[in-house]
Amino acid sequence: MFVKDVMVQNQVGLHARPATFFIQKANEFKSSIWIEKEERRVNAKSLLGILSLGIVGGTAIRIIADGADEQAAVDALVALVESGFVDDNR
């Protein structure tokens, strides 16, 4: 299991579009991945789960992965959050 804390940088937080980018990136990995905010943990590959956390800009979240590519998954997702959800592939 690999865990990292990160602060959501973009002002609007993890609303529909950034959450979709997050899920697309999470789905590139085989590991099970979760997002934790305070005491709630949701599947990072679930749009409804992520939206239910109500993550706004300036919120600290924890990204947790468990599996063969857990460290790569967490590192990639932390980088995405820190970038403000700017997709480098566009």
C-alpha atoms as a PDB file:
ATOM      1  CA  MET A   1       0.000   0.000   0.000  1.00  0.00           C
ATOM      2  CA  PHE A   2       1.283   3.449  -0.945  1.00  0.00           C
ATOM      3  CA  VAL A   3      -0.185   6.674   0.492  1.00  0.00           C
ATOM      4  CA  LYS A   4       0.419  10.372  -0.170  1.00  0.00           C
ATOM      5  CA  ASP A   5      -1.293  13.555   0.990  1.00  0.00           C
ATOM      6  CA  VAL A   6      -1.839  16.427  -1.426  1.00  0.00           C
ATOM      7  CA  MET A   7      -3.556  19.829  -1.379  1.00  0.00           C
ATOM      8  CA  VAL A   8      -6.101  20.474  -4.128  1.00  0.00           C
ATOM      9  CA  GLN A   9      -4.721  23.538  -5.951  1.00  0.00           C
ATOM     10  CA  ASN A  10      -7.437  24.619  -8.373  1.00  0.00           C
ATOM     11  CA  GLN A  11     -10.078  26.952  -6.978  1.00  0.00           C
ATOM     12  CA  VAL A  12     -13.142  24.949  -7.935  1.00  0.00           C
ATOM     13  CA  GLY A  13     -11.783  21.709  -6.517  1.00  0.00           C
ATOM     14  CA  LEU A  14     -12.793  18.270  -7.746  1.00  0.00           C
ATOM     15  CA  HIS A  15     -16.033  19.065  -9.581  1.00  0.00           C
ATOM     16  CA  ALA A  16     -17.182  17.106 -12.639  1.00  0.00           C
ATOM     17  CA  ARG A  17     -14.471  17.953 -15.216  1.00  0.00           C
ATOM     18  CA  PRO A  18     -11.383  17.620 -12.941  1.00  0.00           C
ATOM     19  CA  ALA A  19     -12.924  14.516 -11.352  1.00  0.00           C
ATOM     20  CA  THR A  20     -13.279  13.015 -14.830  1.00  0.00           C
ATOM     21  CA  PHE A  21      -9.587  13.725 -15.567  1.00  0.00           C
ATOM     22  CA  PHE A  22      -8.707  12.161 -12.212  1.00  0.00           C
ATOM     23  CA  ILE A  23     -10.743   9.013 -12.939  1.00  0.00           C
ATOM     24  CA  GLN A  24      -9.281   8.664 -16.441  1.00  0.00           C
ATOM     25  CA  LYS A  25      -5.774   8.802 -14.953  1.00  0.00           C
ATOM     26  CA  ALA A  26      -6.706   6.381 -12.131  1.00  0.00           C
ATOM     27  CA  ASN A  27      -8.065   3.903 -14.684  1.00  0.00           C
ATOM     28  CA  GLU A  28      -4.638   3.724 -16.346  1.00  0.00           C
ATOM     29  CA  PHE A  29      -3.450   1.688 -13.343  1.00  0.00           C
ATOM     30  CA  LYS A  30      -4.267  -1.830 -12.185  1.00  0.00           C
ATOM     31  CA  SER A  31      -4.058  -0.992  -8.475  1.00  0.00           C
ATOM     32  CA  SER A  32      -7.082  -0.322  -6.297  1.00  0.00           C
ATOM     33  CA  ILE A  33      -7.089   3.424  -5.643  1.00  0.00           C
ATOM     34  CA  TRP A  34      -8.982   5.494  -3.074  1.00  0.00           C
ATOM     35  CA  ILE A  35      -9.325   9.166  -2.182  1.00  0.00           C
ATOM     36  CA  GLU A  36      -9.709  10.057   1.467  1.00  0.00           C
ATOM     37  CA  LYS A  37     -10.996  13.382   2.797  1.00  0.00           C
ATOM     38  CA  GLU A  38     -11.106  13.632   6.567  1.00  0.00           C
ATOM     39  CA  GLU A  39     -12.657  10.310   7.656  1.00  0.00           C
ATOM     40  CA  ARG A  40     -14.393   9.406   4.357  1.00  0.00           C
ATOM     41  CA  ARG A  41     -12.801   7.121   1.782  1.00  0.00           C
ATOM     42  CA  VAL A  42     -14.146   6.537  -1.734  1.00  0.00           C
ATOM     43  CA  ASN A  43     -13.079   4.606  -4.811  1.00  0.00           C
ATOM     44  CA  ALA A  44     -10.938   6.947  -6.953  1.00  0.00           C
ATOM     45  CA  LYS A  45     -12.363   5.317 -10.076  1.00  0.00           C
ATOM     46  CA  SER A  46     -15.956   6.293  -9.183  1.00  0.00           C
ATOM     47  CA  LEU A  47     -17.313   9.673 -10.327  1.00  0.00           C
ATOM     48  CA  LEU A  48     -20.192   9.641  -7.837  1.00  0.00           C
ATOM     49  CA  GLY A  49     -17.834   8.648  -5.042  1.00  0.00           C
ATOM     50  CA  ILE A  50     -15.446  11.507  -5.765  1.00  0.00           C
ATOM     51  CA  LEU A  51     -18.209  14.076  -6.203  1.00  0.00           C
ATOM     52  CA  SER A  52     -19.815  12.952  -2.929  1.00  0.00           C
ATOM     53  CA  LEU A  53     -16.717  14.109  -1.027  1.00  0.00           C
ATOM     54  CA  GLY A  54     -17.378  17.739  -2.018  1.00  0.00           C
ATOM     55  CA  ILE A  55     -13.688  18.535  -2.456  1.00  0.00           C
ATOM     56  CA  VAL A  56     -13.075  22.268  -2.982  1.00  0.00           C
ATOM     57  CA  GLY A  57      -9.882  24.204  -3.646  1.00  0.00           C
ATOM     58  CA  GLY A  58      -7.514  24.272  -0.676  1.00  0.00           C
ATOM     59  CA  THR A  59      -8.730  20.909   0.636  1.00  0.00           C
ATOM     60  CA  ALA A  60      -6.178  18.342   1.744  1.00  0.00           C
ATOM     61  CA  ILE A  61      -6.848  14.858   0.400  1.00  0.00           C
ATOM     62  CA  ARG A  62      -5.064  11.535   0.752  1.00  0.00           C
ATOM     63  CA  ILE A  63      -4.509   9.290  -2.254  1.00  0.00           C
ATOM     64  CA  ILE A  64      -4.111   5.611  -1.437  1.00  0.00           C
ATOM     65  CA  ALA A  65      -3.253   2.787  -3.825  1.00  0.00           C
ATOM     66  CA  ASP A  66      -2.764  -0.924  -3.303  1.00  0.00           C
ATOM     67  CA  GLY A  67      -1.480  -3.198  -6.044  1.00  0.00           C
ATOM     68  CA  ALA A  68       1.326  -3.913  -8.497  1.00  0.00           C
ATOM     69  CA  ASP A  69       1.679  -0.307  -9.712  1.00  0.00           C
ATOM     70  CA  GLU A  70       0.621   1.467  -6.508  1.00  0.00           C
ATOM     71  CA  GLN A  71       3.522   3.930  -6.253  1.00  0.00           C
ATOM     72  CA  ALA A  72       3.315   4.949  -9.926  1.00  0.00           C
ATOM     73  CA  ALA A  73      -0.461   5.412  -9.566  1.00  0.00           C
ATOM     74  CA  VAL A  74      -0.205   7.642  -6.499  1.00  0.00           C
ATOM     75  CA  ASP A  75       2.666   9.673  -7.970  1.00  0.00           C
ATOM     76  CA  ALA A  76       0.764  10.268 -11.239  1.00  0.00           C
ATOM     77  CA  LEU A  77      -2.442  11.274  -9.448  1.00  0.00           C
ATOM     78  CA  VAL A  78      -0.615  13.583  -7.027  1.00  0.00           C
ATOM     79  CA  ALA A  79       1.101  15.242 -10.019  1.00  0.00           C
ATOM     80  CA  LEU A  80      -2.306  15.711 -11.690  1.00  0.00           C
ATOM     81  CA  VAL A  81      -3.795  17.307  -8.560  1.00  0.00           C
ATOM     82  CA  GLU A  82      -0.747  19.557  -8.084  1.00  0.00           C
ATOM     83  CA  SER A  83      -0.975  20.697 -11.724  1.00  0.00           C
ATOM     84  CA  GLY A  84      -4.487  22.026 -11.099  1.00  0.00           C
ATOM     85  CA  PHE A  85      -5.875  19.300 -13.403  1.00  0.00           C
ATOM     86  CA  VAL A  86      -4.131  20.610 -16.493  1.00  0.00           C
ATOM     87  CA  ASP A  87      -4.020  17.740 -18.947  1.00  0.00           C
ATOM     88  CA  ASP A  88      -0.566  17.704 -20.563  1.00  0.00           C
ATOM     89  CA  ASN A  89      -1.812  15.493 -23.394  1.00  0.00           C
ATOM     90  CA  ARG A  90      -3.942  18.230 -24.967  1.00  0.00           C
END
